[in-house]
């Protein structure tokens, strides 16, 4: 077998190629890849900001003047902030009142203990400088399928207070008439000036 010999010129070329290759690897690891990650983060942030701008435009109504858009947003804010009453009596009055308007027999309304809603960071959730509290209400009703559906629709779409329906249990109270016995929890949300 013949031994492979490298000339001085070939050694110089190999050293230059090695230095260039090492410089390329160092550039990739320490410059290009971190900048690429940073660029991807900036690009994602740009998409988020663009989405927020589009939401503001849609909320304010594209093509409207700034004054009209601000007025529209203020009206929407007022409507949303009114969905969080300060007094639990309002909720305890509105729920049975809605049921009565629909002809639903309310057997019982049992408010449960209120609790302050926590954000992921553990701090209390706040609206207009007030803490948000959740007050579950257990209700027992007697009604028919169609009326129960309308009750749920109104609670979901048109009820003046923000609520969430939970743990619905339906049994047939009277086979002949189709009357149902319904037990459910309605989670309601209140605002209060301080944590109680």
N, C-alpha and C. Protein backbone atom coordinates (compact mmCIF):
# COMPACT_ATOMS: atom_id res chain seq x y z
N UNK A 1 0.81 -1.17 0.00
CA UNK A 1 0.00 0.00 0.00
C UNK A 1 0.86 1.24 0.00
N UNK A 2 0.37 2.18 -0.67
CA UNK A 2 1.12 3.40 -0.82
C UNK A 2 0.68 4.41 0.22
N UNK A 3 1.62 5.03 0.85
CA UNK A 3 1.36 5.99 1.90
C UNK A 3 0.99 7.32 1.26
N UNK A 4 -0.06 7.93 1.78
CA UNK A 4 -0.55 9.19 1.26
C UNK A 4 0.24 10.33 1.90
N UNK A 5 0.85 11.12 1.09
CA UNK A 5 1.63 12.24 1.61
C UNK A 5 0.95 13.55 1.24
N UNK A 6 1.02 14.48 2.19
CA UNK A 6 0.40 15.78 2.00
C UNK A 6 1.52 16.81 1.83
N UNK A 7 1.40 17.58 0.80
CA UNK A 7 2.43 18.60 0.55
C UNK A 7 2.15 19.82 1.42
N UNK A 8 3.13 20.74 1.45
CA UNK A 8 2.99 21.97 2.24
C UNK A 8 1.81 22.80 1.76
N UNK A 9 1.63 22.90 0.49
CA UNK A 9 0.51 23.67 -0.05
C UNK A 9 -0.83 23.05 0.33
N UNK A 10 -0.89 21.73 0.31
CA UNK A 10 -2.11 21.05 0.69
C UNK A 10 -2.39 21.26 2.17
N UNK A 11 -1.31 21.25 3.01
CA UNK A 11 -1.48 21.49 4.44
C UNK A 11 -2.02 22.89 4.68
N UNK A 12 -1.50 23.87 3.95
CA UNK A 12 -1.98 25.24 4.09
C UNK A 12 -3.46 25.34 3.71
N UNK A 13 -3.81 24.66 2.63
CA UNK A 13 -5.20 24.67 2.18
C UNK A 13 -6.09 24.02 3.22
N UNK A 14 -5.67 22.89 3.78
CA UNK A 14 -6.45 22.20 4.80
C UNK A 14 -6.61 23.06 6.06
N UNK A 15 -5.54 23.76 6.45
CA UNK A 15 -5.62 24.62 7.63
C UNK A 15 -6.59 25.77 7.36
N UNK A 16 -6.52 26.36 6.18
CA UNK A 16 -7.43 27.46 5.83
C UNK A 16 -8.87 26.97 5.80
N UNK A 17 -9.09 25.80 5.18
CA UNK A 17 -10.43 25.22 5.13
C UNK A 17 -10.92 24.93 6.55
N UNK A 18 -10.07 24.41 7.42
CA UNK A 18 -10.43 24.12 8.81
C UNK A 18 -10.79 25.39 9.56
N UNK A 19 -9.99 26.46 9.37
CA UNK A 19 -10.27 27.74 10.05
C UNK A 19 -11.59 28.32 9.55
N UNK A 20 -11.79 28.29 8.23
CA UNK A 20 -13.04 28.80 7.67
C UNK A 20 -14.22 27.96 8.17
N UNK A 21 -14.08 26.65 8.21
CA UNK A 21 -15.14 25.77 8.71
C UNK A 21 -15.44 26.03 10.18
N UNK A 22 -14.39 26.19 11.00
CA UNK A 22 -14.56 26.48 12.41
C UNK A 22 -15.22 27.84 12.59
N UNK A 23 -14.82 28.84 11.81
CA UNK A 23 -15.44 30.16 11.88
C UNK A 23 -16.92 30.07 11.50
N UNK A 24 -17.23 29.26 10.48
CA UNK A 24 -18.62 29.08 10.08
C UNK A 24 -19.45 28.44 11.19
N UNK A 25 -18.90 27.40 11.84
CA UNK A 25 -19.61 26.73 12.94
C UNK A 25 -19.81 27.69 14.11
N UNK A 26 -18.79 28.46 14.46
CA UNK A 26 -18.90 29.43 15.55
C UNK A 26 -19.95 30.49 15.20
N UNK A 27 -19.93 30.97 13.97
CA UNK A 27 -20.92 31.95 13.52
C UNK A 27 -22.33 31.38 13.64
N UNK A 28 -22.52 30.14 13.18
CA UNK A 28 -23.84 29.51 13.24
C UNK A 28 -24.32 29.37 14.68
N UNK A 29 -23.45 28.87 15.57
CA UNK A 29 -23.85 28.60 16.95
C UNK A 29 -24.05 29.87 17.75
N UNK A 30 -23.15 30.81 17.64
CA UNK A 30 -23.17 31.97 18.52
C UNK A 30 -23.83 33.22 17.93
N UNK A 31 -24.03 33.26 16.62
CA UNK A 31 -24.61 34.46 16.02
C UNK A 31 -25.92 34.15 15.30
N UNK A 32 -25.87 33.28 14.31
CA UNK A 32 -27.03 33.06 13.46
C UNK A 32 -28.21 32.43 14.21
N UNK A 33 -28.00 31.30 14.91
CA UNK A 33 -29.11 30.63 15.59
C UNK A 33 -29.76 31.49 16.67
N UNK A 34 -28.98 32.19 17.55
CA UNK A 34 -29.65 33.07 18.52
C UNK A 34 -30.43 34.21 17.85
N UNK A 35 -29.86 34.78 16.81
CA UNK A 35 -30.57 35.86 16.12
C UNK A 35 -31.82 35.33 15.41
N UNK A 36 -31.73 34.12 14.91
CA UNK A 36 -32.88 33.52 14.25
C UNK A 36 -34.01 33.31 15.26
N UNK A 37 -33.66 32.83 16.48
CA UNK A 37 -34.68 32.65 17.53
C UNK A 37 -35.26 34.00 17.93
N UNK A 38 -34.40 34.99 18.06
CA UNK A 38 -34.85 36.33 18.43
C UNK A 38 -35.77 36.89 17.34
N UNK A 39 -35.40 36.68 16.11
CA UNK A 39 -36.21 37.15 14.99
C UNK A 39 -37.57 36.45 14.98
N UNK A 40 -37.58 35.13 15.24
CA UNK A 40 -38.85 34.39 15.28
C UNK A 40 -39.73 34.92 16.41
N UNK A 41 -39.12 35.24 17.57
CA UNK A 41 -39.88 35.82 18.68
C UNK A 41 -40.46 37.18 18.32
N UNK A 42 -39.67 38.01 17.64
CA UNK A 42 -40.15 39.32 17.20
C UNK A 42 -41.27 39.18 16.18
N UNK A 43 -41.13 38.19 15.30
CA UNK A 43 -42.15 37.96 14.29
C UNK A 43 -43.46 37.53 14.95
N UNK A 44 -43.38 36.64 15.95
CA UNK A 44 -44.57 36.22 16.68
C UNK A 44 -45.20 37.41 17.40
N UNK A 45 -44.38 38.23 18.03
CA UNK A 45 -44.88 39.42 18.74
C UNK A 45 -45.58 40.38 17.76
N UNK A 46 -45.01 40.51 16.56
CA UNK A 46 -45.62 41.35 15.53
C UNK A 46 -47.01 40.83 15.17
N UNK A 47 -47.14 39.51 15.01
CA UNK A 47 -48.45 38.93 14.70
C UNK A 47 -49.45 39.20 15.82
N UNK A 48 -48.99 39.10 17.08
CA UNK A 48 -49.87 39.38 18.21
C UNK A 48 -50.33 40.83 18.19
N UNK A 49 -49.39 41.75 17.96
CA UNK A 49 -49.73 43.18 17.92
C UNK A 49 -50.68 43.47 16.76
N UNK A 50 -50.42 42.86 15.60
CA UNK A 50 -51.33 43.05 14.46
C UNK A 50 -52.72 42.53 14.78
N UNK A 51 -52.81 41.39 15.45
CA UNK A 51 -54.11 40.84 15.83
C UNK A 51 -54.82 41.78 16.81
N UNK A 52 -54.07 42.34 17.76
CA UNK A 52 -54.67 43.28 18.71
C UNK A 52 -55.17 44.53 18.00
N UNK A 53 -54.39 45.03 17.05
CA UNK A 53 -54.81 46.20 16.27
C UNK A 53 -56.09 45.89 15.50
N UNK A 54 -56.15 44.71 14.88
CA UNK A 54 -57.36 44.32 14.14
C UNK A 54 -58.56 44.21 15.06
N UNK A 55 -58.35 43.68 16.29
CA UNK A 55 -59.45 43.59 17.24
C UNK A 55 -59.95 44.97 17.63
N UNK A 56 -59.03 45.89 17.84
CA UNK A 56 -59.42 47.26 18.19
C UNK A 56 -60.18 47.89 17.03
N UNK A 57 -59.70 47.68 15.81
CA UNK A 57 -60.39 48.22 14.64
C UNK A 57 -61.79 47.64 14.52
N UNK A 58 -61.92 46.33 14.72
CA UNK A 58 -63.24 45.70 14.64
C UNK A 58 -64.15 46.17 15.76
N UNK A 59 -63.58 46.28 16.97
CA UNK A 59 -64.38 46.71 18.12
C UNK A 59 -64.85 48.15 17.93
N UNK A 60 -63.98 48.97 17.41
CA UNK A 60 -64.31 50.38 17.20
C UNK A 60 -65.10 50.62 15.94
N UNK A 61 -65.11 49.66 15.09
CA UNK A 61 -65.85 49.80 13.84
C UNK A 61 -64.98 50.49 12.81
N UNK A 62 -64.48 49.71 11.86
CA UNK A 62 -63.63 50.28 10.82
C UNK A 62 -64.41 51.30 10.00
N UNK A 63 -63.75 52.35 9.62
CA UNK A 63 -64.37 53.39 8.81
C UNK A 63 -65.05 54.46 9.63
N UNK A 64 -65.13 54.27 10.95
CA UNK A 64 -65.74 55.29 11.81
C UNK A 64 -64.68 56.29 12.24
N UNK A 65 -65.14 57.45 12.63
CA UNK A 65 -64.19 58.43 13.15
C UNK A 65 -63.73 57.97 14.53
N UNK A 66 -62.64 58.54 14.99
CA UNK A 66 -62.08 58.18 16.29
C UNK A 66 -63.10 58.43 17.40
N UNK A 67 -63.82 59.54 17.32
CA UNK A 67 -64.82 59.86 18.35
C UNK A 67 -65.93 58.81 18.38
N UNK A 68 -66.40 58.40 17.20
CA UNK A 68 -67.43 57.37 17.14
C UNK A 68 -66.93 56.05 17.68
N UNK A 69 -65.69 55.68 17.32
CA UNK A 69 -65.10 54.43 17.79
C UNK A 69 -64.96 54.43 19.31
N UNK A 70 -64.50 55.54 19.88
CA UNK A 70 -64.35 55.63 21.34
C UNK A 70 -65.71 55.55 22.01
N UNK A 71 -66.70 56.21 21.47
CA UNK A 71 -68.05 56.16 22.02
C UNK A 71 -68.59 54.74 21.98
N UNK A 72 -68.39 54.06 20.85
CA UNK A 72 -68.84 52.68 20.71
C UNK A 72 -68.16 51.76 21.73
N UNK A 73 -66.84 51.90 21.88
CA UNK A 73 -66.10 51.08 22.84
C UNK A 73 -66.55 51.37 24.27
N UNK A 74 -66.82 52.62 24.58
CA UNK A 74 -67.28 52.98 25.93
C UNK A 74 -68.63 52.33 26.21
N UNK A 75 -69.54 52.33 25.22
CA UNK A 75 -70.84 51.69 25.39
C UNK A 75 -70.66 50.19 25.64
N UNK A 76 -69.78 49.56 24.88
CA UNK A 76 -69.54 48.12 25.07
C UNK A 76 -68.94 47.86 26.44
N UNK A 77 -68.04 48.72 26.90
CA UNK A 77 -67.43 48.58 28.22
C UNK A 77 -68.51 48.71 29.30
N UNK A 78 -69.40 49.70 29.16
CA UNK A 78 -70.47 49.90 30.15
C UNK A 78 -71.38 48.68 30.21
N UNK A 79 -71.73 48.12 29.04
CA UNK A 79 -72.58 46.93 29.01
C UNK A 79 -71.90 45.77 29.72
N UNK A 80 -70.61 45.54 29.40
CA UNK A 80 -69.89 44.43 30.03
C UNK A 80 -69.70 44.65 31.53
N UNK A 81 -69.37 45.86 31.95
CA UNK A 81 -69.14 46.10 33.37
C UNK A 81 -70.44 45.96 34.16
N UNK A 82 -71.59 46.23 33.53
CA UNK A 82 -72.87 46.07 34.21
C UNK A 82 -73.25 44.61 34.40
N UNK A 83 -72.58 43.70 33.69
CA UNK A 83 -72.85 42.28 33.84
C UNK A 83 -72.25 41.72 35.13
N UNK A 84 -71.52 42.54 35.89
CA UNK A 84 -70.93 42.13 37.16
C UNK A 84 -71.50 43.01 38.27
N UNK A 85 -72.67 42.65 38.83
CA UNK A 85 -73.28 43.50 39.87
C UNK A 85 -72.45 43.46 41.16
N UNK A 86 -72.67 44.47 42.01
CA UNK A 86 -71.98 44.52 43.29
C UNK A 86 -72.74 43.78 44.37
N UNK A 87 -74.06 43.70 44.25
CA UNK A 87 -74.86 43.10 45.31
C UNK A 87 -75.42 41.75 44.87
N UNK A 88 -75.29 40.77 45.72
CA UNK A 88 -75.79 39.44 45.40
C UNK A 88 -77.31 39.40 45.31
N UNK A 89 -77.97 40.36 45.97
CA UNK A 89 -79.43 40.42 45.93
C UNK A 89 -79.94 40.59 44.50
N UNK A 90 -79.18 41.31 43.70
CA UNK A 90 -79.58 41.52 42.29
C UNK A 90 -79.65 40.18 41.57
N UNK A 91 -78.62 39.36 41.77
CA UNK A 91 -78.59 38.05 41.12
C UNK A 91 -79.71 37.17 41.66
N UNK A 92 -79.88 37.18 42.99
CA UNK A 92 -80.89 36.33 43.62
C UNK A 92 -82.32 36.78 43.26
N UNK A 93 -82.47 38.00 42.79
CA UNK A 93 -83.77 38.49 42.34
C UNK A 93 -83.97 38.17 40.85
N UNK A 94 -82.92 38.36 40.02
CA UNK A 94 -83.04 38.21 38.57
C UNK A 94 -83.24 36.76 38.12
N UNK A 95 -82.52 35.80 38.74
CA UNK A 95 -82.65 34.40 38.31
C UNK A 95 -84.07 33.87 38.50
N UNK A 96 -84.65 33.95 39.71
CA UNK A 96 -86.03 33.46 39.86
C UNK A 96 -87.03 34.28 39.03
N UNK A 97 -86.76 35.57 38.84
CA UNK A 97 -87.65 36.41 38.05
C UNK A 97 -87.70 35.92 36.60
N UNK A 98 -86.54 35.59 36.03
CA UNK A 98 -86.49 35.05 34.67
C UNK A 98 -87.26 33.74 34.60
N UNK A 99 -87.04 32.87 35.57
CA UNK A 99 -87.74 31.58 35.58
C UNK A 99 -89.25 31.80 35.65
N UNK A 100 -89.69 32.71 36.50
CA UNK A 100 -91.12 32.98 36.65
C UNK A 100 -91.71 33.52 35.34
N UNK A 101 -90.99 34.42 34.65
CA UNK A 101 -91.48 34.96 33.36
C UNK A 101 -91.69 33.86 32.33
N UNK A 102 -90.86 32.79 32.42
CA UNK A 102 -90.96 31.69 31.47
C UNK A 102 -91.95 30.61 31.93
N UNK A 103 -92.51 30.79 33.13
CA UNK A 103 -93.45 29.80 33.65
C UNK A 103 -92.78 28.60 34.30
N UNK A 104 -91.54 28.75 34.70
CA UNK A 104 -90.79 27.67 35.36
C UNK A 104 -91.07 27.74 36.85
N UNK A 105 -91.38 26.59 37.45
CA UNK A 105 -91.60 26.51 38.90
C UNK A 105 -90.24 26.35 39.58
N UNK A 106 -89.88 27.33 40.41
CA UNK A 106 -88.60 27.29 41.12
C UNK A 106 -88.85 26.69 42.50
N UNK A 107 -88.33 25.47 42.72
CA UNK A 107 -88.51 24.79 44.00
C UNK A 107 -87.58 25.36 45.06
N UNK A 108 -86.33 25.64 44.66
CA UNK A 108 -85.37 26.22 45.62
C UNK A 108 -84.25 26.95 44.90
N UNK A 109 -83.74 27.96 45.62
CA UNK A 109 -82.57 28.73 45.18
C UNK A 109 -81.65 28.80 46.39
N UNK A 110 -80.47 28.17 46.26
CA UNK A 110 -79.54 28.10 47.39
C UNK A 110 -78.19 28.71 47.01
N UNK A 111 -77.95 29.96 47.40
CA UNK A 111 -76.63 30.55 47.12
C UNK A 111 -75.57 29.86 47.98
N UNK A 112 -74.42 29.65 47.38
CA UNK A 112 -73.30 29.03 48.08
C UNK A 112 -72.32 30.12 48.51
N UNK A 113 -71.29 29.72 49.18
CA UNK A 113 -70.28 30.66 49.67
C UNK A 113 -69.54 31.31 48.49
N UNK A 114 -69.35 32.62 48.58
CA UNK A 114 -68.63 33.35 47.53
C UNK A 114 -67.13 33.12 47.70
N UNK A 115 -66.42 33.19 46.56
CA UNK A 115 -64.96 33.12 46.61
C UNK A 115 -64.40 34.10 45.59
N UNK A 116 -63.25 34.68 45.93
CA UNK A 116 -62.60 35.63 45.04
C UNK A 116 -61.91 34.86 43.92
N UNK A 117 -62.12 35.28 42.68
CA UNK A 117 -61.49 34.66 41.52
C UNK A 117 -60.02 35.06 41.49
N UNK A 118 -59.14 34.08 41.33
CA UNK A 118 -57.70 34.33 41.29
C UNK A 118 -57.19 34.23 39.85
N UNK A 119 -56.24 35.09 39.51
CA UNK A 119 -55.57 34.99 38.22
C UNK A 119 -54.52 33.89 38.31
N UNK A 120 -53.90 33.55 37.18
CA UNK A 120 -52.87 32.51 37.19
C UNK A 120 -51.72 32.85 38.12
N UNK A 121 -51.45 34.13 38.28
CA UNK A 121 -50.35 34.57 39.15
C UNK A 121 -50.71 34.44 40.62
N UNK A 122 -51.98 34.16 40.93
CA UNK A 122 -52.42 34.03 42.31
C UNK A 122 -53.02 35.30 42.89
N UNK A 123 -52.95 36.40 42.15
CA UNK A 123 -53.52 37.65 42.64
C UNK A 123 -55.00 37.71 42.27
N UNK A 124 -55.81 38.42 43.07
CA UNK A 124 -57.25 38.51 42.78
C UNK A 124 -57.52 39.20 41.44
N UNK A 125 -58.51 38.69 40.71
CA UNK A 125 -58.93 39.31 39.45
C UNK A 125 -59.68 40.60 39.77
N UNK A 126 -59.41 41.64 39.00
CA UNK A 126 -59.97 42.95 39.30
C UNK A 126 -60.62 43.55 38.06
N UNK A 127 -61.79 44.20 38.26
CA UNK A 127 -62.49 44.96 37.22
C UNK A 127 -62.88 46.29 37.85
N UNK A 128 -62.52 47.37 37.19
CA UNK A 128 -62.84 48.72 37.69
C UNK A 128 -62.38 48.92 39.13
N UNK A 129 -61.24 48.34 39.50
CA UNK A 129 -60.71 48.52 40.84
C UNK A 129 -61.44 47.71 41.90
N UNK A 130 -62.28 46.76 41.50
CA UNK A 130 -63.00 45.90 42.43
C UNK A 130 -62.59 44.45 42.18
N UNK A 131 -62.66 43.64 43.21
CA UNK A 131 -62.36 42.22 43.06
C UNK A 131 -63.56 41.48 42.48
N UNK A 132 -63.28 40.45 41.69
CA UNK A 132 -64.34 39.64 41.10
C UNK A 132 -64.55 38.41 41.98
N UNK A 133 -65.80 38.18 42.36
CA UNK A 133 -66.15 37.03 43.18
C UNK A 133 -67.07 36.11 42.40
N UNK A 134 -66.92 34.82 42.65
CA UNK A 134 -67.82 33.83 42.07
C UNK A 134 -68.77 33.38 43.17
N UNK A 135 -70.06 33.37 42.86
CA UNK A 135 -71.06 32.89 43.82
C UNK A 135 -71.89 31.82 43.13
N UNK A 136 -71.61 30.53 43.43
CA UNK A 136 -72.43 29.47 42.86
C UNK A 136 -73.82 29.48 43.49
N UNK A 137 -74.83 29.22 42.68
CA UNK A 137 -76.21 29.14 43.16
C UNK A 137 -76.78 27.81 42.69
N UNK A 138 -77.25 27.00 43.64
CA UNK A 138 -77.91 25.74 43.30
C UNK A 138 -79.40 26.03 43.14
N UNK A 139 -79.97 25.52 42.06
CA UNK A 139 -81.39 25.74 41.80
C UNK A 139 -82.07 24.41 41.52
N UNK A 140 -83.30 24.29 41.99
CA UNK A 140 -84.15 23.14 41.66
C UNK A 140 -85.38 23.70 40.95
N UNK A 141 -85.65 23.16 39.77
CA UNK A 141 -86.74 23.67 38.93
C UNK A 141 -87.66 22.54 38.50
N UNK A 142 -88.88 22.90 38.13
CA UNK A 142 -89.80 21.99 37.47
C UNK A 142 -90.29 22.71 36.21
N UNK A 143 -90.04 22.06 35.06
CA UNK A 143 -90.36 22.71 33.80
C UNK A 143 -90.42 21.66 32.69
N UNK A 144 -90.57 22.12 31.45
CA UNK A 144 -90.61 21.26 30.27
C UNK A 144 -89.35 21.50 29.44
N UNK A 145 -89.04 20.54 28.56
CA UNK A 145 -87.82 20.62 27.75
C UNK A 145 -87.69 21.95 27.01
N UNK A 146 -88.73 22.31 26.28
CA UNK A 146 -88.67 23.52 25.46
C UNK A 146 -88.43 24.77 26.32
N UNK A 147 -89.12 24.86 27.45
CA UNK A 147 -88.97 26.01 28.34
C UNK A 147 -87.57 26.01 28.96
N UNK A 148 -87.07 24.84 29.31
CA UNK A 148 -85.71 24.75 29.87
C UNK A 148 -84.68 25.21 28.84
N UNK A 149 -84.86 24.83 27.59
CA UNK A 149 -83.97 25.28 26.53
C UNK A 149 -83.98 26.79 26.38
N UNK A 150 -85.17 27.39 26.44
CA UNK A 150 -85.29 28.84 26.35
C UNK A 150 -84.63 29.52 27.55
N UNK A 151 -84.80 28.93 28.74
CA UNK A 151 -84.17 29.45 29.96
C UNK A 151 -82.64 29.47 29.79
N UNK A 152 -82.08 28.36 29.30
CA UNK A 152 -80.63 28.29 29.09
C UNK A 152 -80.17 29.28 28.02
N UNK A 153 -80.97 29.42 26.95
CA UNK A 153 -80.60 30.36 25.89
C UNK A 153 -80.54 31.79 26.42
N UNK A 154 -81.54 32.17 27.19
CA UNK A 154 -81.58 33.54 27.73
C UNK A 154 -80.41 33.75 28.70
N UNK A 155 -80.14 32.76 29.56
CA UNK A 155 -79.01 32.90 30.48
C UNK A 155 -77.70 33.08 29.71
N UNK A 156 -77.58 32.38 28.60
CA UNK A 156 -76.34 32.42 27.81
C UNK A 156 -76.22 33.68 26.96
N UNK A 157 -77.34 34.16 26.40
CA UNK A 157 -77.25 35.25 25.42
C UNK A 157 -77.78 36.60 25.91
N UNK A 158 -78.89 36.60 26.64
CA UNK A 158 -79.58 37.86 26.91
C UNK A 158 -79.69 38.23 28.39
N UNK A 159 -79.17 37.43 29.27
CA UNK A 159 -79.31 37.71 30.70
C UNK A 159 -78.43 38.90 31.06
N UNK A 160 -78.93 39.83 31.87
CA UNK A 160 -78.16 41.05 32.15
C UNK A 160 -76.95 40.83 33.07
N UNK A 161 -76.79 39.62 33.57
CA UNK A 161 -75.68 39.31 34.48
C UNK A 161 -74.89 38.16 33.88
N UNK A 162 -73.56 38.22 34.01
CA UNK A 162 -72.70 37.16 33.48
C UNK A 162 -72.83 35.92 34.36
N UNK A 163 -73.27 34.79 33.76
CA UNK A 163 -73.44 33.54 34.51
C UNK A 163 -72.86 32.38 33.70
N UNK A 164 -72.64 31.28 34.39
CA UNK A 164 -72.17 30.05 33.75
C UNK A 164 -72.99 28.90 34.33
N UNK A 165 -73.61 28.11 33.47
CA UNK A 165 -74.43 26.98 33.91
C UNK A 165 -73.53 25.76 34.08
N UNK A 166 -73.76 25.03 35.19
CA UNK A 166 -72.88 23.92 35.54
C UNK A 166 -73.71 22.79 36.15
N UNK A 167 -73.24 21.57 36.05
CA UNK A 167 -73.81 20.40 36.74
C UNK A 167 -75.33 20.32 36.62
N UNK A 168 -75.81 20.13 35.41
CA UNK A 168 -77.25 20.03 35.18
C UNK A 168 -77.68 18.56 35.31
N UNK A 169 -78.69 18.34 36.12
CA UNK A 169 -79.24 17.00 36.32
C UNK A 169 -80.73 17.07 36.00
N UNK A 170 -81.17 16.25 35.03
CA UNK A 170 -82.57 16.28 34.58
C UNK A 170 -83.19 14.90 34.80
N UNK A 171 -84.32 14.89 35.49
CA UNK A 171 -85.09 13.65 35.65
C UNK A 171 -86.55 13.95 35.29
N UNK A 172 -87.28 12.91 34.92
CA UNK A 172 -88.68 13.09 34.55
C UNK A 172 -89.51 13.11 35.84
N UNK A 173 -90.23 14.19 36.08
CA UNK A 173 -91.06 14.32 37.27
C UNK A 173 -92.43 13.69 37.05
N UNK A 174 -92.95 13.80 35.83
CA UNK A 174 -94.28 13.27 35.52
C UNK A 174 -94.26 12.73 34.10
N UNK A 175 -94.39 11.41 33.97
CA UNK A 175 -94.34 10.78 32.65
C UNK A 175 -95.52 11.22 31.77
N UNK A 176 -96.65 11.40 32.35
CA UNK A 176 -97.85 11.73 31.57
C UNK A 176 -97.75 13.12 30.94
N UNK A 177 -97.26 14.11 31.68
CA UNK A 177 -97.22 15.47 31.15
C UNK A 177 -95.87 15.85 30.56
N UNK A 178 -94.84 15.06 30.86
CA UNK A 178 -93.50 15.39 30.37
C UNK A 178 -92.79 16.41 31.23
N UNK A 179 -93.35 16.68 32.41
CA UNK A 179 -92.74 17.64 33.32
C UNK A 179 -91.39 17.10 33.81
N UNK A 180 -90.41 17.97 33.86
CA UNK A 180 -89.05 17.59 34.27
C UNK A 180 -88.71 18.18 35.62
N UNK A 181 -87.89 17.47 36.34
CA UNK A 181 -87.30 17.98 37.58
C UNK A 181 -85.84 18.26 37.26
N UNK A 182 -85.40 19.50 37.43
CA UNK A 182 -84.05 19.91 37.02
C UNK A 182 -83.30 20.49 38.22
N UNK A 183 -82.11 19.95 38.44
CA UNK A 183 -81.19 20.52 39.44
C UNK A 183 -79.98 21.03 38.68
N UNK A 184 -79.56 22.24 38.99
CA UNK A 184 -78.40 22.81 38.30
C UNK A 184 -77.69 23.80 39.20
N UNK A 185 -76.45 24.06 38.85
CA UNK A 185 -75.67 25.12 39.49
C UNK A 185 -75.49 26.23 38.47
N UNK A 186 -75.70 27.45 38.93
CA UNK A 186 -75.45 28.63 38.11
C UNK A 186 -74.35 29.41 38.80
N UNK A 187 -73.20 29.48 38.15
CA UNK A 187 -72.09 30.27 38.70
C UNK A 187 -72.30 31.72 38.29
N UNK A 188 -72.44 32.60 39.28
CA UNK A 188 -72.63 34.02 39.02
C UNK A 188 -71.38 34.77 39.45
N UNK A 189 -71.20 35.96 38.92
CA UNK A 189 -69.99 36.73 39.20
C UNK A 189 -70.36 38.13 39.68
N UNK A 190 -69.76 38.51 40.79
CA UNK A 190 -70.02 39.81 41.41
C UNK A 190 -68.71 40.58 41.52
N UNK A 191 -68.81 41.87 41.73
CA UNK A 191 -67.62 42.64 42.05
C UNK A 191 -67.79 43.23 43.43
N UNK A 192 -66.71 43.30 44.18
CA UNK A 192 -66.77 43.89 45.52
C UNK A 192 -65.53 44.75 45.72
N UNK A 193 -65.66 45.81 46.52
CA UNK A 193 -64.53 46.74 46.71
C UNK A 193 -63.36 46.12 47.44
N UNK A 194 -63.58 45.11 48.25
CA UNK A 194 -62.49 44.50 49.00
C UNK A 194 -62.74 43.02 49.16
N UNK A 195 -61.67 42.25 49.41
CA UNK A 195 -61.79 40.81 49.58
C UNK A 195 -62.45 40.53 50.93
N UNK A 196 -63.51 39.70 50.87
CA UNK A 196 -64.23 39.36 52.11
C UNK A 196 -64.04 37.91 52.44
